[in-house]
PDB file of all heavy atoms in Angstrom:
ATOM      1  N   GLY A   1     -36.096 -52.897 -40.730  1.00  0.00           N
ATOM      2  CA  GLY A   1     -37.523 -52.759 -40.648  1.00  0.00           C
ATOM      3  C   GLY A   1     -37.949 -51.600 -39.703  1.00  0.00           C
ATOM      4  O   GLY A   1     -39.093 -51.202 -39.803  1.00  0.00           O
ATOM      5  N   GLY A   2     -37.002 -51.092 -38.966  1.00  0.00           N
ATOM      6  CA  GLY A   2     -37.352 -49.948 -38.099  1.00  0.00           C
ATOM      7  C   GLY A   2     -37.351 -48.669 -38.871  1.00  0.00           C
ATOM      8  O   GLY A   2     -36.806 -48.618 -39.969  1.00  0.00           O
ATOM      9  N   TYR A   3     -37.939 -47.651 -38.255  1.00  0.00           N
ATOM     10  CA  TYR A   3     -37.886 -46.352 -38.873  1.00  0.00           C
ATOM     11  C   TYR A   3     -38.227 -45.233 -37.886  1.00  0.00           C
ATOM     12  O   TYR A   3     -38.876 -45.494 -36.842  1.00  0.00           O
ATOM     13  CB  TYR A   3     -38.907 -46.264 -40.008  1.00  0.00           C
ATOM     14  CG  TYR A   3     -40.364 -46.446 -39.691  1.00  0.00           C
ATOM     15  CD1 TYR A   3     -41.188 -45.386 -39.352  1.00  0.00           C
ATOM     16  CD2 TYR A   3     -40.914 -47.683 -39.730  1.00  0.00           C
ATOM     17  CE1 TYR A   3     -42.518 -45.519 -39.069  1.00  0.00           C
ATOM     18  CE2 TYR A   3     -42.270 -47.882 -39.442  1.00  0.00           C
ATOM     19  CZ  TYR A   3     -43.029 -46.791 -39.124  1.00  0.00           C
ATOM     20  OH  TYR A   3     -44.408 -46.969 -38.810  1.00  0.00           O
ATOM     21  N   PHE A   4     -37.738 -44.025 -38.211  1.00  0.00           N
ATOM     22  CA  PHE A   4     -38.101 -42.799 -37.511  1.00  0.00           C
ATOM     23  C   PHE A   4     -39.159 -42.052 -38.334  1.00  0.00           C
ATOM     24  O   PHE A   4     -39.128 -42.032 -39.549  1.00  0.00           O
ATOM     25  CB  PHE A   4     -36.875 -41.862 -37.391  1.00  0.00           C
ATOM     26  CG  PHE A   4     -35.854 -42.279 -36.376  1.00  0.00           C
ATOM     27  CD1 PHE A   4     -34.492 -42.189 -36.652  1.00  0.00           C
ATOM     28  CD2 PHE A   4     -36.194 -42.866 -35.168  1.00  0.00           C
ATOM     29  CE1 PHE A   4     -33.528 -42.500 -35.748  1.00  0.00           C
ATOM     30  CE2 PHE A   4     -35.251 -43.168 -34.259  1.00  0.00           C
ATOM     31  CZ  PHE A   4     -33.923 -43.071 -34.543  1.00  0.00           C
ATOM     32  N   ARG A   5     -40.108 -41.326 -37.572  1.00  0.00           N
ATOM     33  CA  ARG A   5     -40.994 -40.454 -38.336  1.00  0.00           C
ATOM     34  C   ARG A   5     -41.502 -39.398 -37.342  1.00  0.00           C
ATOM     35  O   ARG A   5     -41.766 -39.688 -36.163  1.00  0.00           O
ATOM     36  CB  ARG A   5     -42.219 -41.194 -38.855  1.00  0.00           C
ATOM     37  CG  ARG A   5     -43.130 -40.336 -39.720  1.00  0.00           C
ATOM     38  CD  ARG A   5     -44.150 -41.093 -40.552  1.00  0.00           C
ATOM     39  NE  ARG A   5     -45.233 -41.570 -39.663  1.00  0.00           N
ATOM     40  CZ  ARG A   5     -46.352 -40.824 -39.392  1.00  0.00           C
ATOM     41  NH1 ARG A   5     -46.520 -39.628 -39.886  1.00  0.00           N
ATOM     42  NH2 ARG A   5     -47.324 -41.340 -38.623  1.00  0.00           N
ATOM     43  N   LEU A   6     -41.609 -38.187 -37.822  1.00  0.00           N
ATOM     44  CA  LEU A   6     -42.113 -37.051 -37.006  1.00  0.00           C
ATOM     45  C   LEU A   6     -43.465 -36.619 -37.659  1.00  0.00           C
ATOM     46  O   LEU A   6     -43.454 -35.979 -38.671  1.00  0.00           O
ATOM     47  CB  LEU A   6     -41.157 -35.909 -36.959  1.00  0.00           C
ATOM     48  CG  LEU A   6     -39.787 -36.195 -36.323  1.00  0.00           C
ATOM     49  CD1 LEU A   6     -38.977 -34.852 -36.285  1.00  0.00           C
ATOM     50  CD2 LEU A   6     -39.976 -36.645 -34.893  1.00  0.00           C
ATOM     51  N   PRO A   7     -44.571 -36.907 -37.068  1.00  0.00           N
ATOM     52  CA  PRO A   7     -45.872 -36.485 -37.591  1.00  0.00           C
ATOM     53  C   PRO A   7     -46.364 -35.092 -37.295  1.00  0.00           C
ATOM     54  O   PRO A   7     -47.374 -34.640 -37.724  1.00  0.00           O
ATOM     55  CB  PRO A   7     -46.817 -37.515 -37.030  1.00  0.00           C
ATOM     56  CG  PRO A   7     -46.264 -37.866 -35.748  1.00  0.00           C
ATOM     57  CD  PRO A   7     -44.767 -37.762 -35.866  1.00  0.00           C
ATOM     58  N   GLU A   8     -45.574 -34.322 -36.553  1.00  0.00           N
ATOM     59  CA  GLU A   8     -46.015 -33.075 -35.972  1.00  0.00           C
ATOM     60  C   GLU A   8     -46.470 -32.033 -36.990  1.00  0.00           C
ATOM     61  O   GLU A   8     -47.540 -31.488 -36.983  1.00  0.00           O
ATOM     62  CB  GLU A   8     -44.983 -32.501 -34.991  1.00  0.00           C
ATOM     63  CG  GLU A   8     -44.943 -33.102 -33.608  1.00  0.00           C
ATOM     64  CD  GLU A   8     -44.311 -34.480 -33.616  1.00  0.00           C
ATOM     65  OE1 GLU A   8     -43.738 -34.959 -34.632  1.00  0.00           O
ATOM     66  OE2 GLU A   8     -44.311 -35.104 -32.533  1.00  0.00           O
ATOM     67  N   VAL A   9     -45.588 -31.707 -37.934  1.00  0.00           N
ATOM     68  CA  VAL A   9     -45.783 -30.701 -38.923  1.00  0.00           C
ATOM     69  C   VAL A   9     -47.019 -31.013 -39.730  1.00  0.00           C
ATOM     70  O   VAL A   9     -47.942 -30.193 -39.969  1.00  0.00           O
ATOM     71  CB  VAL A   9     -44.575 -30.391 -39.767  1.00  0.00           C
ATOM     72  CG1 VAL A   9     -44.915 -29.449 -40.979  1.00  0.00           C
ATOM     73  CG2 VAL A   9     -43.506 -29.725 -38.910  1.00  0.00           C
ATOM     74  N   PRO A  10     -47.146 -32.232 -40.314  1.00  0.00           N
ATOM     75  CA  PRO A  10     -48.425 -32.586 -40.991  1.00  0.00           C
ATOM     76  C   PRO A  10     -49.669 -32.483 -40.099  1.00  0.00           C
ATOM     77  O   PRO A  10     -50.763 -32.335 -40.703  1.00  0.00           O
ATOM     78  CB  PRO A  10     -48.216 -34.032 -41.498  1.00  0.00           C
ATOM     79  CG  PRO A  10     -46.683 -34.054 -41.606  1.00  0.00           C
ATOM     80  CD  PRO A  10     -46.166 -33.235 -40.469  1.00  0.00           C
ATOM     81  N   LEU A  11     -49.521 -32.586 -38.856  1.00  0.00           N
ATOM     82  CA  LEU A  11     -50.673 -32.395 -37.925  1.00  0.00           C
ATOM     83  C   LEU A  11     -51.003 -30.957 -37.691  1.00  0.00           C
ATOM     84  O   LEU A  11     -51.990 -30.597 -37.105  1.00  0.00           O
ATOM     85  CB  LEU A  11     -50.404 -33.107 -36.571  1.00  0.00           C
ATOM     86  CG  LEU A  11     -50.571 -34.603 -36.472  1.00  0.00           C
ATOM     87  CD1 LEU A  11     -50.079 -35.101 -35.126  1.00  0.00           C
ATOM     88  CD2 LEU A  11     -51.990 -35.034 -36.738  1.00  0.00           C
ATOM     89  N   GLY A  12     -50.097 -30.036 -38.051  1.00  0.00           N
ATOM     90  CA  GLY A  12     -50.351 -28.588 -37.927  1.00  0.00           C
ATOM     91  C   GLY A  12     -49.605 -27.948 -36.807  1.00  0.00           C
ATOM     92  O   GLY A  12     -49.910 -26.805 -36.465  1.00  0.00           O
ATOM     93  N   ILE A  13     -48.666 -28.667 -36.161  1.00  0.00           N
ATOM     94  CA  ILE A  13     -47.906 -28.060 -35.045  1.00  0.00           C
ATOM     95  C   ILE A  13     -46.366 -28.164 -35.367  1.00  0.00           C
ATOM     96  O   ILE A  13     -45.956 -28.903 -36.241  1.00  0.00           O
ATOM     97  CB  ILE A  13     -48.137 -28.719 -33.670  1.00  0.00           C
ATOM     98  CG1 ILE A  13     -47.961 -30.343 -33.828  1.00  0.00           C
ATOM     99  CG2 ILE A  13     -49.552 -28.431 -33.210  1.00  0.00           C
ATOM    100  CD1 ILE A  13     -48.138 -30.971 -32.450  1.00  0.00           C
ATOM    101  N   ASN A  14     -45.580 -27.362 -34.649  1.00  0.00           N
ATOM    102  CA  ASN A  14     -44.183 -27.387 -34.837  1.00  0.00           C
ATOM    103  C   ASN A  14     -43.593 -28.635 -34.111  1.00  0.00           C
ATOM    104  O   ASN A  14     -44.202 -29.164 -33.144  1.00  0.00           O
ATOM    105  CB  ASN A  14     -43.462 -26.133 -34.310  1.00  0.00           C
ATOM    106  CG  ASN A  14     -43.585 -26.032 -32.801  1.00  0.00           C
ATOM    107  OD1 ASN A  14     -44.738 -26.127 -32.202  1.00  0.00           O
ATOM    108  ND2 ASN A  14     -42.518 -25.754 -32.139  1.00  0.00           N
ATOM    109  N   MET A  15     -42.384 -29.001 -34.550  1.00  0.00           N
ATOM    110  CA  MET A  15     -41.647 -30.074 -33.822  1.00  0.00           C
ATOM    111  C   MET A  15     -40.929 -29.417 -32.645  1.00  0.00           C
ATOM    112  O   MET A  15     -40.042 -28.533 -32.868  1.00  0.00           O
ATOM    113  CB  MET A  15     -40.683 -30.806 -34.662  1.00  0.00           C
ATOM    114  CG  MET A  15     -40.002 -31.911 -33.990  1.00  0.00           C
ATOM    115  SD  MET A  15     -41.091 -33.135 -33.271  1.00  0.00           S
ATOM    116  CE  MET A  15     -40.061 -33.851 -31.979  1.00  0.00           C
ATOM    117  N   SER A  16     -41.265 -29.765 -31.444  1.00  0.00           N
ATOM    118  CA  SER A  16     -40.690 -29.107 -30.285  1.00  0.00           C
ATOM    119  C   SER A  16     -39.788 -30.065 -29.503  1.00  0.00           C
ATOM    120  O   SER A  16     -39.057 -30.830 -30.050  1.00  0.00           O
ATOM    121  CB  SER A  16     -41.773 -28.432 -29.404  1.00  0.00           C
ATOM    122  OG  SER A  16     -42.744 -29.416 -29.049  1.00  0.00           O
ATOM    123  N   TRP A  17     -39.896 -30.037 -28.164  1.00  0.00           N
ATOM    124  CA  TRP A  17     -39.072 -30.884 -27.267  1.00  0.00           C
ATOM    125  C   TRP A  17     -37.567 -30.596 -27.409  1.00  0.00           C
ATOM    126  O   TRP A  17     -36.782 -31.451 -27.110  1.00  0.00           O
ATOM    127  CB  TRP A  17     -39.418 -32.373 -27.432  1.00  0.00           C
ATOM    128  CG  TRP A  17     -40.796 -32.706 -26.891  1.00  0.00           C
ATOM    129  CD1 TRP A  17     -41.812 -31.902 -26.646  1.00  0.00           C
ATOM    130  CD2 TRP A  17     -41.211 -34.045 -26.562  1.00  0.00           C
ATOM    131  NE1 TRP A  17     -42.941 -32.567 -26.220  1.00  0.00           N
ATOM    132  CE2 TRP A  17     -42.554 -33.838 -26.138  1.00  0.00           C
ATOM    133  CE3 TRP A  17     -40.649 -35.276 -26.519  1.00  0.00           C
ATOM    134  CZ2 TRP A  17     -43.326 -34.964 -25.686  1.00  0.00           C
ATOM    135  CZ3 TRP A  17     -41.398 -36.350 -26.106  1.00  0.00           C
ATOM    136  CH2 TRP A  17     -42.732 -36.200 -25.715  1.00  0.00           C
ATOM    137  N   ARG A  18     -37.224 -29.326 -27.945  1.00  0.00           N
ATOM    138  CA  ARG A  18     -35.850 -28.978 -28.127  1.00  0.00           C
ATOM    139  C   ARG A  18     -35.054 -30.002 -28.972  1.00  0.00           C
ATOM    140  O   ARG A  18     -33.820 -30.128 -28.728  1.00  0.00           O
ATOM    141  CB  ARG A  18     -35.179 -28.826 -26.679  1.00  0.00           C
ATOM    142  CG  ARG A  18     -36.031 -27.931 -25.706  1.00  0.00           C
ATOM    143  CD  ARG A  18     -35.820 -26.495 -25.947  1.00  0.00           C
ATOM    144  NE  ARG A  18     -36.781 -25.645 -25.237  1.00  0.00           N
ATOM    145  CZ  ARG A  18     -36.631 -25.138 -24.050  1.00  0.00           C
ATOM    146  NH1 ARG A  18     -35.563 -25.465 -23.321  1.00  0.00           N
ATOM    147  NH2 ARG A  18     -37.545 -24.304 -23.514  1.00  0.00           N
ATOM    148  N   SER A  19     -35.754 -30.619 -29.870  1.00  0.00           N
ATOM    149  CA  SER A  19     -35.061 -31.762 -30.580  1.00  0.00           C
ATOM    150  C   SER A  19     -34.452 -31.302 -31.924  1.00  0.00           C
ATOM    151  O   SER A  19     -33.519 -32.013 -32.374  1.00  0.00           O
ATOM    152  CB  SER A  19     -36.149 -32.786 -30.899  1.00  0.00           C
ATOM    153  OG  SER A  19     -37.182 -32.292 -31.638  1.00  0.00           O
ATOM    154  N   ILE A  20     -34.841 -30.193 -32.515  1.00  0.00           N
ATOM    155  CA  ILE A  20     -34.260 -29.828 -33.796  1.00  0.00           C
ATOM    156  C   ILE A  20     -32.808 -29.635 -33.825  1.00  0.00           C
ATOM    157  O   ILE A  20     -32.128 -30.154 -34.729  1.00  0.00           O
ATOM    158  CB  ILE A  20     -35.095 -28.656 -34.365  1.00  0.00           C
ATOM    159  CG1 ILE A  20     -36.466 -29.098 -34.824  1.00  0.00           C
ATOM    160  CG2 ILE A  20     -34.341 -28.043 -35.637  1.00  0.00           C
ATOM    161  CD1 ILE A  20     -37.368 -28.011 -35.445  1.00  0.00           C
ATOM    162  N   PRO A  21     -32.235 -28.967 -32.850  1.00  0.00           N
ATOM    163  CA  PRO A  21     -30.775 -28.846 -32.832  1.00  0.00           C
ATOM    164  C   PRO A  21     -29.992 -30.191 -32.755  1.00  0.00           C
ATOM    165  O   PRO A  21     -29.037 -30.440 -33.391  1.00  0.00           O
ATOM    166  CB  PRO A  21     -30.438 -27.982 -31.628  1.00  0.00           C
ATOM    167  CG  PRO A  21     -31.668 -27.204 -31.390  1.00  0.00           C
ATOM    168  CD  PRO A  21     -32.779 -28.159 -31.787  1.00  0.00           C
ATOM    169  N   ARG A  22     -30.597 -31.107 -31.991  1.00  0.00           N
ATOM    170  CA  ARG A  22     -29.983 -32.427 -31.880  1.00  0.00           C
ATOM    171  C   ARG A  22     -30.082 -33.192 -33.251  1.00  0.00           C
ATOM    172  O   ARG A  22     -29.109 -33.786 -33.640  1.00  0.00           O
ATOM    173  CB  ARG A  22     -30.708 -33.236 -30.808  1.00  0.00           C
ATOM    174  CG  ARG A  22     -30.582 -32.664 -29.366  1.00  0.00           C
ATOM    175  CD  ARG A  22     -31.175 -33.603 -28.363  1.00  0.00           C
ATOM    176  NE  ARG A  22     -31.062 -33.065 -26.975  1.00  0.00           N
ATOM    177  CZ  ARG A  22     -32.124 -32.554 -26.313  1.00  0.00           C
ATOM    178  NH1 ARG A  22     -33.310 -32.627 -26.826  1.00  0.00           N
ATOM    179  NH2 ARG A  22     -31.929 -32.084 -25.090  1.00  0.00           N
ATOM    180  N   ILE A  23     -31.174 -33.131 -33.853  1.00  0.00           N
ATOM    181  CA  ILE A  23     -31.365 -33.774 -35.159  1.00  0.00           C
ATOM    182  C   ILE A  23     -30.397 -33.161 -36.189  1.00  0.00           C
ATOM    183  O   ILE A  23     -29.766 -33.836 -36.983  1.00  0.00           O
ATOM    184  CB  ILE A  23     -32.816 -33.658 -35.608  1.00  0.00           C
ATOM    185  CG1 ILE A  23     -33.744 -34.440 -34.606  1.00  0.00           C
ATOM    186  CG2 ILE A  23     -32.962 -34.241 -37.064  1.00  0.00           C
ATOM    187  CD1 ILE A  23     -35.206 -34.291 -34.869  1.00  0.00           C
ATOM    188  N   THR A  24     -30.342 -31.796 -36.192  1.00  0.00           N
ATOM    189  CA  THR A  24     -29.471 -31.098 -37.166  1.00  0.00           C
ATOM    190  C   THR A  24     -28.043 -31.529 -36.928  1.00  0.00           C
ATOM    191  O   THR A  24     -27.303 -31.753 -37.864  1.00  0.00           O
ATOM    192  CB  THR A  24     -29.626 -29.578 -37.027  1.00  0.00           C
ATOM    193  OG1 THR A  24     -30.994 -29.237 -37.220  1.00  0.00           O
ATOM    194  CG2 THR A  24     -28.778 -28.870 -37.997  1.00  0.00           C
TER     195      THR A  24
END
């Protein structure tokens, strides 16, 4: 029942916090 979601791009901003390399 848990889930991950990143709302940033639909809000109009980039996903930051240096997280994209970790996710990739």
